[in-house]
C-alpha atoms as a PDB file:
ATOM      1  CA  UNK A   1      -5.287  -3.037 -33.285  1.00  0.00           C
ATOM      2  CA  UNK A   2      -3.936  -5.764 -30.958  1.00  0.00           C
ATOM      3  CA  UNK A   3      -3.580  -3.233 -28.160  1.00  0.00           C
ATOM      4  CA  UNK A   4      -7.219  -2.171 -28.499  1.00  0.00           C
ATOM      5  CA  UNK A   5      -8.430  -5.768 -28.438  1.00  0.00           C
ATOM      6  CA  UNK A   6      -6.331  -6.507 -25.340  1.00  0.00           C
ATOM      7  CA  UNK A   7      -7.735  -3.461 -23.555  1.00  0.00           C
ATOM      8  CA  UNK A   8     -11.283  -4.454 -24.552  1.00  0.00           C
ATOM      9  CA  UNK A   9     -10.877  -8.013 -23.241  1.00  0.00           C
ATOM     10  CA  UNK A  10      -9.331  -6.778 -19.988  1.00  0.00           C
ATOM     11  CA  UNK A  11     -12.111  -4.223 -19.551  1.00  0.00           C
ATOM     12  CA  UNK A  12     -14.764  -6.915 -19.998  1.00  0.00           C
ATOM     13  CA  UNK A  13     -12.971  -8.975 -17.335  1.00  0.00           C
ATOM     14  CA  UNK A  14     -13.046  -6.015 -14.968  1.00  0.00           C
ATOM     15  CA  UNK A  15     -16.768  -5.477 -15.558  1.00  0.00           C
ATOM     16  CA  UNK A  16     -17.632  -9.155 -15.042  1.00  0.00           C
ATOM     17  CA  UNK A  17     -15.574  -9.387 -11.861  1.00  0.00           C
ATOM     18  CA  UNK A  18     -17.089  -6.164 -10.534  1.00  0.00           C
ATOM     19  CA  UNK A  19     -20.583  -7.529 -11.174  1.00  0.00           C
ATOM     20  CA  UNK A  20     -19.660 -10.712  -9.359  1.00  0.00           C
ATOM     21  CA  UNK A  21     -18.467  -8.675  -6.361  1.00  0.00           C
ATOM     22  CA  UNK A  22     -21.725  -6.743  -6.355  1.00  0.00           C
ATOM     23  CA  UNK A  23     -24.005  -9.808  -6.295  1.00  0.00           C
ATOM     24  CA  UNK A  24     -21.899 -11.863  -3.862  1.00  0.00           C
ATOM     25  CA  UNK A  25     -23.826 -12.606  -0.674  1.00  0.00           C
ATOM     26  CA  UNK A  26     -22.266 -12.646   2.782  1.00  0.00           C
ATOM     27  CA  UNK A  27     -21.117 -16.119   3.751  1.00  0.00           C
ATOM     28  CA  UNK A  28     -18.255 -17.828   5.528  1.00  0.00           C
ATOM     29  CA  UNK A  29     -14.837 -16.575   4.378  1.00  0.00           C
ATOM     30  CA  UNK A  30     -16.412 -13.862   2.212  1.00  0.00           C
ATOM     31  CA  UNK A  31     -13.268 -11.755   2.458  1.00  0.00           C
ATOM     32  CA  UNK A  32     -11.212 -14.476   0.818  1.00  0.00           C
ATOM     33  CA  UNK A  33     -13.849 -14.976  -1.868  1.00  0.00           C
ATOM     34  CA  UNK A  34     -13.899 -11.269  -2.677  1.00  0.00           C
ATOM     35  CA  UNK A  35     -10.125 -11.100  -2.804  1.00  0.00           C
ATOM     36  CA  UNK A  36     -10.147 -14.031  -5.217  1.00  0.00           C
ATOM     37  CA  UNK A  37     -12.587 -12.169  -7.460  1.00  0.00           C
ATOM     38  CA  UNK A  38     -10.397  -9.077  -7.247  1.00  0.00           C
ATOM     39  CA  UNK A  39      -7.572 -11.224  -8.612  1.00  0.00           C
ATOM     40  CA  UNK A  40      -9.384 -11.193 -11.955  1.00  0.00           C
ATOM     41  CA  UNK A  41      -9.405  -7.413 -11.874  1.00  0.00           C
ATOM     42  CA  UNK A  42      -5.706  -7.379 -10.973  1.00  0.00           C
ATOM     43  CA  UNK A  43      -4.834  -9.535 -13.971  1.00  0.00           C
ATOM     44  CA  UNK A  44      -6.906  -7.330 -16.253  1.00  0.00           C
ATOM     45  CA  UNK A  45      -5.210  -4.181 -14.964  1.00  0.00           C
ATOM     46  CA  UNK A  46      -1.814  -5.800 -15.481  1.00  0.00           C
ATOM     47  CA  UNK A  47      -2.706  -6.531 -19.110  1.00  0.00           C
ATOM     48  CA  UNK A  48      -3.962  -2.993 -19.637  1.00  0.00           C
ATOM     49  CA  UNK A  49      -0.720  -1.541 -18.279  1.00  0.00           C
ATOM     50  CA  UNK A  50       1.273  -3.784 -20.608  1.00  0.00           C
ATOM     51  CA  UNK A  51      -0.894  -2.819 -23.581  1.00  0.00           C
ATOM     52  CA  UNK A  52      -0.367   0.854 -22.845  1.00  0.00           C
ATOM     53  CA  UNK A  53       3.392   0.371 -22.753  1.00  0.00           C
ATOM     54  CA  UNK A  54       3.774   0.957 -19.023  1.00  0.00           C
ATOM     55  CA  UNK A  55       5.960  -2.089 -18.396  1.00  0.00           C
ATOM     56  CA  UNK A  56       7.600  -0.915 -15.167  1.00  0.00           C
ATOM     57  CA  UNK A  57       4.259   0.104 -13.678  1.00  0.00           C
ATOM     58  CA  UNK A  58       2.720  -3.218 -14.765  1.00  0.00           C
ATOM     59  CA  UNK A  59       5.389  -5.323 -13.072  1.00  0.00           C
ATOM     60  CA  UNK A  60       5.328  -3.173  -9.938  1.00  0.00           C
ATOM     61  CA  UNK A  61       1.573  -3.677  -9.802  1.00  0.00           C
ATOM     62  CA  UNK A  62       1.991  -7.414 -10.413  1.00  0.00           C
ATOM     63  CA  UNK A  63       4.466  -7.759  -7.538  1.00  0.00           C
ATOM     64  CA  UNK A  64       2.718  -5.569  -4.940  1.00  0.00           C
ATOM     65  CA  UNK A  65      -0.918  -6.568  -5.439  1.00  0.00           C
ATOM     66  CA  UNK A  66      -0.715 -10.153  -4.075  1.00  0.00           C
ATOM     67  CA  UNK A  67       1.092  -8.926  -0.968  1.00  0.00           C
ATOM     68  CA  UNK A  68      -1.546  -6.269  -0.342  1.00  0.00           C
ATOM     69  CA  UNK A  69      -4.424  -8.689  -0.885  1.00  0.00           C
ATOM     70  CA  UNK A  70      -2.890 -11.192   1.522  1.00  0.00           C
ATOM     71  CA  UNK A  71      -2.311  -8.488   4.138  1.00  0.00           C
ATOM     72  CA  UNK A  72      -5.962  -7.383   3.961  1.00  0.00           C
ATOM     73  CA  UNK A  73      -7.257 -10.950   4.203  1.00  0.00           C
ATOM     74  CA  UNK A  74      -4.898 -11.796   7.071  1.00  0.00           C
ATOM     75  CA  UNK A  75      -5.897  -8.669   8.999  1.00  0.00           C
ATOM     76  CA  UNK A  76      -9.566  -9.513   8.527  1.00  0.00           C
ATOM     77  CA  UNK A  77      -8.992 -13.063   9.742  1.00  0.00           C
ATOM     78  CA  UNK A  78      -7.066 -11.883  12.822  1.00  0.00           C
ATOM     79  CA  UNK A  79      -9.831  -9.380  13.607  1.00  0.00           C
ATOM     80  CA  UNK A  80     -12.434 -12.173  13.519  1.00  0.00           C
ATOM     81  CA  UNK A  81     -10.284 -14.360  15.786  1.00  0.00           C
ATOM     82  CA  UNK A  82      -9.955 -11.475  18.218  1.00  0.00           C
ATOM     83  CA  UNK A  83     -13.763 -11.055  18.383  1.00  0.00           C
ATOM     84  CA  UNK A  84     -14.301 -14.766  19.128  1.00  0.00           C
ATOM     85  CA  UNK A  85     -12.105 -14.814  22.237  1.00  0.00           C
END
């Protein structure tokens, strides 16, 4: 019962964050804003993995996701700097 409630709450978080990504308008630093919204989805996925008993997968996901998000944002920022010069 607790597992089902945890999965339901995490799924609602994923849906709300996905909706927020969909309606977000282009503005300054939009990449960072979208990555911040994706952080909600990351937390929800982590909780779902834990609820399903996939502890090793959950902690691997928890460790790798921030590094990947930072790498994408940094690459986007460097690409914009390159265009300005």
